[in-house]
Amino acid sequence: MNIAATTAHHPTFLSGASSDAFAKHPGYRRMFAPDRLTIGIFLPLRFYRGDMSVLEGQADLVTEIDRRGFAAVWVRDVPLFDPNFGDAGQLFDPFTYLSYLAARTDKVALATGSAVFSLRHPIDLAKAATTIDRLSGGRLVLGIASGDRPVEFPAYGLDMDGRGERFAETVAYFRQLIAPGRPVIRSSLGTIEGVDFLPKPAIGRIPLIITGSSRQSPSWVAEHADGWLTYPQPTHIPEGPKRLAQNILSWRNQIPGAGFRPHMTNEWLDLVDDPDFPRTPLRGGFVLRTGRKGLIDLLGEWQEAGVNHAALGMQFAERPASDIIQELAEEVLPLFPSLEGPAPLPVPW
């Protein structure tokens, strides 16, 4: 990697930060605190099968998710639909859609899970991210990844084998752009000097949540991640959360200064009417069918394991999304409430 760390007067902005750096960040503080677990909802609420009508009413339900008090709403980053992969995400560009949802909501954190940093130039990523952050009053939490869909990289004219190095360089470039002061950057991705990048984030920083390894070493993730998003391990048996606990502990033991940094995981749910229905894996373990008591047990196991936020998806569920959201809000959310942090900043724009 060839990038000059030339914002030397703000060196801490080039690496990851622990919770003290986000004490005034509304999105971060709504989602994360030590020894606490909060709940977010992953979009889309229904799986795309060739007809965009499945998205009708989704923004109305996101408004309800906000009103009900969930901690976050998450969007996917899927630039191209690969029929062999089968997943188109929420179809809309994640940054554009989050701007729309920002105008439809008041408190819920707006999260990406995850923006593919290896595909895009850091100036474009930073411009989109800081714009949403300002338009939402500081509610953006940016999950980021190196990408895993082979069709996307040649479409962008990029070598997939180089995505790990490009990811690390993009993270460094992105952080230099949004740091206080005028950036001076010399990188294989571009050169900047004598100009400024605007707007800056609403609260000084934007949390960068690294997904999995993103083709980096464990020590790099520990140093550079503001938080860590990983797959959950098996969710139908207690051994899964126990394995997850070991991974979280190993990561936290490598964090410089041993400050608190949050861990997140996710699960696609088929939440059934029967509250006693046992936790049952579907689609090779990709989806969990369960009643709410099994889900509550899982969330408790995750919290004990050190997970701080659970992003729950329902795109494969049989019941209507509105019914699931209502049940989660009334029966599950009170046990894992969102956190009372600073209010979002005024948005006079």
Protein backbone atom coordinates (compact mmCIF):
# COMPACT_ATOMS: atom_id res chain seq x y z
CA MET A 1 0.00 0.00 0.00
CA ASN A 2 1.34 3.42 -0.97
CA ILE A 3 -0.40 6.27 0.79
CA ALA A 4 1.16 9.11 2.68
CA ALA A 5 -0.27 9.71 6.14
CA THR A 6 0.03 13.43 5.65
CA THR A 7 -2.65 14.57 8.08
CA ALA A 8 0.03 14.33 10.77
CA HIS A 9 -1.63 17.01 12.88
CA HIS A 10 -4.58 14.62 13.29
CA PRO A 11 -2.88 11.18 13.45
CA THR A 12 -5.66 9.58 15.51
CA PHE A 13 -8.09 10.07 12.64
CA LEU A 14 -6.17 7.57 10.50
CA SER A 15 -6.79 4.54 12.73
CA GLY A 16 -9.83 3.09 14.45
CA ALA A 17 -11.27 4.69 17.54
CA SER A 18 -12.91 3.45 20.72
CA SER A 19 -16.21 4.65 22.13
CA ASP A 20 -14.93 7.90 23.71
CA ALA A 21 -14.36 9.30 20.20
CA PHE A 22 -18.08 8.82 19.46
CA ALA A 23 -19.51 10.09 22.74
CA LYS A 24 -21.53 12.76 20.90
CA HIS A 25 -22.44 10.68 17.83
CA PRO A 26 -26.24 10.08 17.81
CA GLY A 27 -26.17 6.99 15.59
CA TYR A 28 -23.32 5.25 17.39
CA ARG A 29 -24.68 6.01 20.85
CA ARG A 30 -28.18 4.73 19.95
CA MET A 31 -26.68 1.38 18.93
CA PHE A 32 -23.68 0.67 21.12
CA ALA A 33 -22.66 0.44 24.77
CA PRO A 34 -20.58 -2.09 26.73
CA ASP A 35 -22.47 -5.18 27.91
CA ARG A 36 -25.63 -4.12 26.06
CA LEU A 37 -27.29 -5.49 22.94
CA THR A 38 -29.61 -3.48 20.72
CA ILE A 39 -31.74 -4.52 17.76
CA GLY A 40 -31.78 -3.23 14.19
CA ILE A 41 -33.73 -4.27 11.09
CA PHE A 42 -32.03 -5.29 7.84
CA LEU A 43 -33.57 -4.27 4.53
CA PRO A 44 -35.07 -5.35 2.22
CA LEU A 45 -38.10 -6.55 4.13
CA ARG A 46 -39.01 -8.80 1.22
CA PHE A 47 -36.80 -10.75 -1.19
CA TYR A 48 -36.63 -9.53 -4.78
CA ARG A 49 -37.83 -12.15 -7.27
CA GLY A 50 -38.00 -10.10 -10.45
CA ASP A 51 -40.74 -7.65 -9.45
CA MET A 52 -40.06 -4.35 -7.65
CA SER A 53 -43.57 -4.42 -6.18
CA VAL A 54 -42.14 -6.34 -3.20
CA LEU A 55 -40.65 -3.01 -2.07
CA GLU A 56 -43.99 -1.20 -2.00
CA GLY A 57 -44.64 0.29 1.42
CA GLN A 58 -41.12 -0.45 2.69
CA ALA A 59 -40.34 3.18 3.56
CA ASP A 60 -43.62 3.39 5.49
CA LEU A 61 -42.52 0.38 7.51
CA VAL A 62 -39.11 1.98 8.09
CA THR A 63 -40.96 4.98 9.52
CA GLU A 64 -42.78 2.53 11.80
CA ILE A 65 -39.46 0.91 12.77
CA ASP A 66 -38.23 4.36 13.79
CA ARG A 67 -41.43 5.17 15.69
CA ARG A 68 -41.33 1.83 17.51
CA GLY A 69 -37.85 2.58 18.84
CA PHE A 70 -35.53 0.13 17.08
CA ALA A 71 -31.87 1.12 17.22
CA ALA A 72 -30.98 0.96 13.51
CA VAL A 73 -32.10 0.21 9.99
CA TRP A 74 -29.55 -1.44 7.68
CA VAL A 75 -29.19 -1.37 3.89
CA ARG A 76 -27.17 -3.55 1.53
CA ASP A 77 -24.70 -2.55 -1.19
CA VAL A 78 -25.31 -4.67 -4.30
CA PRO A 79 -24.35 -2.73 -7.46
CA LEU A 80 -25.22 -5.53 -9.90
CA PHE A 81 -27.75 -8.34 -9.76
CA ASP A 82 -26.08 -11.69 -10.45
CA PRO A 83 -28.79 -14.35 -11.01
CA ASN A 84 -26.27 -17.02 -10.00
CA PHE A 85 -25.79 -15.26 -6.65
CA GLY A 86 -29.52 -14.63 -6.37
CA ASP A 87 -29.55 -11.63 -4.05
CA ALA A 88 -30.27 -8.07 -5.25
CA GLY A 89 -30.36 -6.46 -1.80
CA GLN A 90 -32.85 -3.60 -1.56
CA LEU A 91 -32.21 -2.74 -5.28
CA PHE A 92 -31.71 0.98 -4.60
CA ASP A 93 -28.26 2.49 -4.20
CA PRO A 94 -27.55 2.36 -0.45
CA PHE A 95 -26.43 5.97 -0.10
CA THR A 96 -29.28 7.46 -2.11
CA TYR A 97 -31.82 5.30 -0.30
CA LEU A 98 -30.43 6.20 3.13
CA SER A 99 -30.81 9.87 2.24
CA TYR A 100 -34.46 9.20 1.44
CA LEU A 101 -34.93 7.25 4.67
CA ALA A 102 -33.22 9.99 6.65
CA ALA A 103 -36.03 12.31 5.58
CA ARG A 104 -38.63 9.73 6.66
CA THR A 105 -37.20 9.06 10.14
CA ASP A 106 -36.16 10.94 13.27
CA LYS A 107 -33.98 8.87 15.60
CA VAL A 108 -33.10 5.49 14.13
CA ALA A 109 -29.44 4.99 13.20
CA LEU A 110 -28.81 4.55 9.46
CA ALA A 111 -26.33 1.75 8.76
CA THR A 112 -24.77 0.10 5.72
CA GLY A 113 -24.11 -3.61 5.80
CA SER A 114 -21.83 -3.22 4.03
CA ALA A 115 -20.58 -0.57 1.60
CA VAL A 116 -18.06 -2.21 -0.75
CA PHE A 117 -15.08 0.10 -0.33
CA SER A 118 -12.93 -1.79 -2.83
CA LEU A 119 -15.23 -0.95 -5.76
CA ARG A 120 -15.50 2.82 -5.43
CA HIS A 121 -13.21 5.81 -5.22
CA PRO A 122 -12.82 7.18 -1.68
CA ILE A 123 -13.80 10.71 -2.72
CA ASP A 124 -17.18 9.46 -3.94
CA LEU A 125 -17.61 7.31 -0.83
CA ALA A 126 -16.72 10.19 1.48
CA LYS A 127 -18.97 12.66 -0.34
CA ALA A 128 -21.96 10.32 -0.10
CA ALA A 129 -21.25 9.39 3.53
CA THR A 130 -20.74 12.89 4.89
CA THR A 131 -23.78 14.13 2.96
CA ILE A 132 -26.02 11.48 4.57
CA ASP A 133 -24.42 12.11 7.94
CA ARG A 134 -25.25 15.83 7.70
CA LEU A 135 -28.74 15.27 6.31
CA SER A 136 -29.56 12.84 9.12
CA GLY A 137 -28.12 14.88 11.99
CA GLY A 138 -25.24 12.47 12.65
CA ARG A 139 -27.04 9.13 12.40
CA LEU A 140 -24.82 7.33 9.84
CA VAL A 141 -22.94 4.18 10.90
CA LEU A 142 -20.89 2.92 7.97
CA GLY A 143 -20.37 -0.82 7.69
CA ILE A 144 -17.68 -1.45 5.09
CA ALA A 145 -16.28 -4.49 3.27
CA SER A 146 -13.85 -5.56 0.56
CA GLY A 147 -16.52 -7.31 -1.55
CA ASP A 148 -17.17 -10.95 -2.40
CA ARG A 149 -19.09 -11.00 -5.70
CA PRO A 150 -16.81 -11.96 -8.61
CA VAL A 151 -18.97 -10.33 -11.31
CA GLU A 152 -18.62 -6.85 -9.82
CA PHE A 153 -14.87 -6.33 -10.02
CA PRO A 154 -14.36 -6.78 -13.79
CA ALA A 155 -17.46 -4.62 -14.35
CA TYR A 156 -15.64 -1.81 -12.53
CA GLY A 157 -12.40 -2.60 -14.36
CA LEU A 158 -10.76 -3.87 -11.17
CA ASP A 159 -8.79 -6.98 -10.27
CA MET A 160 -10.67 -8.91 -7.59
CA ASP A 161 -7.41 -10.39 -6.29
CA GLY A 162 -6.27 -6.89 -5.35
CA ARG A 163 -9.37 -6.00 -3.38
CA GLY A 164 -7.71 -6.40 0.02
CA GLU A 165 -4.96 -3.89 -0.67
CA ARG A 166 -7.39 -1.50 -2.35
CA PHE A 167 -9.74 -1.76 0.65
CA ALA A 168 -7.02 -0.78 3.13
CA GLU A 169 -5.88 2.08 0.94
CA THR A 170 -9.45 3.33 0.48
CA VAL A 171 -10.02 3.31 4.25
CA ALA A 172 -6.89 5.43 4.77
CA TYR A 173 -7.80 7.85 1.96
CA PHE A 174 -11.42 8.12 3.21
CA ARG A 175 -10.31 8.94 6.75
CA GLN A 176 -7.86 11.58 5.56
CA LEU A 177 -10.58 13.24 3.50
CA ILE A 178 -13.07 13.57 6.34
CA ALA A 179 -10.54 14.53 9.05
CA PRO A 180 -10.38 18.17 10.20
CA GLY A 181 -8.29 20.46 8.02
CA ARG A 182 -7.31 20.34 4.38
CA PRO A 183 -6.14 16.89 3.30
CA VAL A 184 -2.80 16.31 1.62
CA ILE A 185 -2.89 12.85 0.08
CA ARG A 186 -0.49 10.98 -2.18
CA SER A 187 -1.83 7.58 -3.08
CA SER A 188 -2.13 5.18 -5.99
CA LEU A 189 -5.82 6.15 -5.83
CA GLY A 190 -5.12 9.84 -6.33
CA THR A 191 -3.31 12.97 -5.21
CA ILE A 192 -4.82 15.90 -3.30
CA GLU A 193 -3.19 19.14 -2.22
CA GLY A 194 -4.38 22.73 -1.93
CA VAL A 195 -8.10 21.92 -1.88
CA ASP A 196 -10.54 20.97 0.85
CA PHE A 197 -13.10 18.21 1.15
CA LEU A 198 -16.61 19.23 2.21
CA PRO A 199 -18.85 18.63 4.02
CA LYS A 200 -17.05 17.25 7.04
CA PRO A 201 -18.97 14.80 9.27
CA ALA A 202 -21.60 16.16 11.63
CA ILE A 203 -19.78 14.94 14.76
CA GLY A 204 -16.11 14.85 13.77
CA ARG A 205 -15.98 11.20 12.69
CA ILE A 206 -18.10 8.59 10.93
CA PRO A 207 -17.91 5.13 12.53
CA LEU A 208 -16.32 2.60 10.17
CA ILE A 209 -17.52 -0.92 10.98
CA ILE A 210 -15.32 -3.48 9.25
CA THR A 211 -17.05 -6.62 7.99
CA GLY A 212 -15.31 -9.94 8.62
CA SER A 213 -11.64 -9.76 7.73
CA SER A 214 -12.14 -7.68 4.56
CA ARG A 215 -8.96 -9.44 3.41
CA GLN A 216 -6.92 -7.95 6.28
CA SER A 217 -4.98 -9.49 9.17
CA PRO A 218 -6.63 -9.75 12.60
CA SER A 219 -4.20 -7.18 13.98
CA TRP A 220 -5.09 -4.72 11.18
CA VAL A 221 -8.82 -5.12 11.91
CA ALA A 222 -8.20 -4.60 15.63
CA GLU A 223 -6.25 -1.40 14.94
CA HIS A 224 -8.37 0.14 12.19
CA ALA A 225 -11.97 -0.91 12.91
CA ASP A 226 -14.26 1.39 14.92
CA GLY A 227 -16.39 -1.75 15.29
CA TRP A 228 -16.60 -5.26 13.88
CA LEU A 229 -19.46 -6.97 11.99
CA THR A 230 -19.23 -10.74 11.56
CA TYR A 231 -21.39 -13.68 10.63
CA PRO A 232 -23.03 -15.21 13.70
CA GLN A 233 -21.86 -18.85 13.63
CA PRO A 234 -24.70 -21.42 13.97
CA THR A 235 -27.71 -19.83 15.67
CA HIS A 236 -29.88 -22.89 16.39
CA ILE A 237 -27.52 -24.36 19.00
CA PRO A 238 -25.76 -22.79 22.03
CA GLU A 239 -22.35 -23.77 20.66
CA GLY A 240 -22.66 -21.12 17.94
CA PRO A 241 -22.76 -18.11 20.29
CA LYS A 242 -19.96 -19.71 22.34
CA ARG A 243 -17.73 -19.84 19.25
CA LEU A 244 -18.70 -16.28 18.45
CA ALA A 245 -17.70 -15.24 21.99
CA GLN A 246 -14.21 -16.66 21.43
CA ASN A 247 -13.82 -14.69 18.19
CA ILE A 248 -15.00 -11.46 19.83
CA LEU A 249 -12.66 -11.90 22.79
CA SER A 250 -9.70 -12.57 20.50
CA TRP A 251 -10.44 -9.38 18.55
CA ARG A 252 -10.93 -7.24 21.64
CA ASN A 253 -7.68 -8.49 23.17
CA GLN A 254 -5.82 -6.98 20.21
CA ILE A 255 -7.50 -3.53 20.26
CA PRO A 256 -4.92 -0.82 21.06
CA GLY A 257 -5.54 0.74 24.45
CA ALA A 258 -8.21 -1.87 25.27
CA GLY A 259 -11.02 0.68 24.83
CA PHE A 260 -14.57 -0.43 24.05
CA ARG A 261 -15.36 -1.07 20.39
CA PRO A 262 -18.68 -2.69 19.46
CA HIS A 263 -19.34 -6.02 17.81
CA MET A 264 -22.34 -6.66 15.56
CA THR A 265 -23.85 -9.73 13.95
CA ASN A 266 -26.96 -10.52 11.92
CA GLU A 267 -29.47 -13.23 11.17
CA TRP A 268 -32.20 -13.77 8.58
CA LEU A 269 -35.34 -14.77 10.46
CA ASP A 270 -38.50 -16.66 9.68
CA LEU A 271 -40.33 -15.67 12.86
CA VAL A 272 -43.40 -17.88 13.22
CA ASP A 273 -46.64 -17.29 15.13
CA ASP A 274 -45.99 -20.01 17.70
CA PRO A 275 -43.80 -18.38 20.39
CA ASP A 276 -42.51 -21.81 21.49
CA PHE A 277 -41.40 -22.99 18.04
CA PRO A 278 -37.79 -24.23 18.42
CA ARG A 279 -34.80 -22.67 16.70
CA THR A 280 -34.57 -24.53 13.39
CA PRO A 281 -32.03 -23.86 10.59
CA LEU A 282 -33.30 -23.44 7.03
CA ARG A 283 -31.50 -23.01 3.70
CA GLY A 284 -28.37 -24.71 4.99
CA GLY A 285 -28.29 -22.54 8.10
CA PHE A 286 -28.65 -19.27 6.19
CA VAL A 287 -32.13 -18.63 7.70
CA LEU A 288 -33.36 -19.30 11.24
CA ARG A 289 -36.99 -20.33 11.74
CA THR A 290 -38.02 -19.74 15.33
CA GLY A 291 -40.67 -18.48 17.68
CA ARG A 292 -40.03 -15.37 19.70
CA LYS A 293 -38.91 -17.29 22.81
CA GLY A 294 -36.14 -18.94 20.82
CA LEU A 295 -35.16 -15.58 19.38
CA ILE A 296 -35.06 -14.01 22.85
CA ASP A 297 -32.82 -16.86 24.03
CA LEU A 298 -30.50 -16.33 21.04
CA LEU A 299 -30.26 -12.59 21.64
CA GLY A 300 -29.43 -13.26 25.30
CA GLU A 301 -26.71 -15.71 24.27
CA TRP A 302 -25.30 -13.14 21.85
CA GLN A 303 -25.30 -10.46 24.53
CA GLU A 304 -23.46 -12.78 26.90
CA ALA A 305 -20.97 -13.50 24.09
CA GLY A 306 -20.16 -9.79 23.76
CA VAL A 307 -22.35 -8.86 20.81
CA ASN A 308 -23.58 -5.25 21.05
CA HIS A 309 -26.03 -5.08 18.15
CA ALA A 310 -28.14 -7.63 16.27
CA ALA A 311 -29.31 -6.77 12.74
CA LEU A 312 -32.36 -8.93 12.02
CA GLY A 313 -33.63 -9.54 8.50
CA MET A 314 -37.02 -10.90 7.50
CA GLN A 315 -36.85 -11.06 3.71
CA PHE A 316 -37.33 -14.86 3.73
CA ALA A 317 -40.09 -14.89 6.37
CA GLU A 318 -43.55 -16.26 5.57
CA ARG A 319 -45.49 -13.80 7.74
CA PRO A 320 -46.08 -10.18 6.65
CA ALA A 321 -43.23 -7.87 7.59
CA SER A 322 -45.61 -5.55 9.44
CA ASP A 323 -46.71 -8.41 11.73
CA ILE A 324 -43.11 -9.37 12.51
CA ILE A 325 -42.11 -5.78 13.23
CA GLN A 326 -45.07 -5.43 15.59
CA GLU A 327 -44.22 -8.63 17.47
CA LEU A 328 -40.55 -7.70 17.75
CA ALA A 329 -41.46 -4.21 18.98
CA GLU A 330 -43.95 -5.41 21.59
CA GLU A 331 -42.37 -8.63 22.83
CA VAL A 332 -38.61 -8.51 22.14
CA LEU A 333 -37.48 -4.90 21.94
CA PRO A 334 -38.39 -4.10 25.59
CA LEU A 335 -35.82 -6.73 26.65
CA PHE A 336 -33.09 -5.23 24.45
CA PRO A 337 -33.98 -1.53 24.26
CA SER A 338 -32.23 1.06 22.16
CA LEU A 339 -29.90 3.38 24.03
CA GLU A 340 -30.61 6.94 25.05
CA GLY A 341 -27.75 8.98 23.67
CA PRO A 342 -27.47 12.49 22.26
CA ALA A 343 -30.32 13.61 20.05
CA PRO A 344 -29.66 13.97 16.31
CA LEU A 345 -28.43 17.40 15.35
CA PRO A 346 -30.86 19.86 13.80
CA VAL A 347 -31.02 19.59 9.99
CA PRO A 348 -31.71 23.12 8.71
CA TRP A 349 -30.55 22.42 5.17
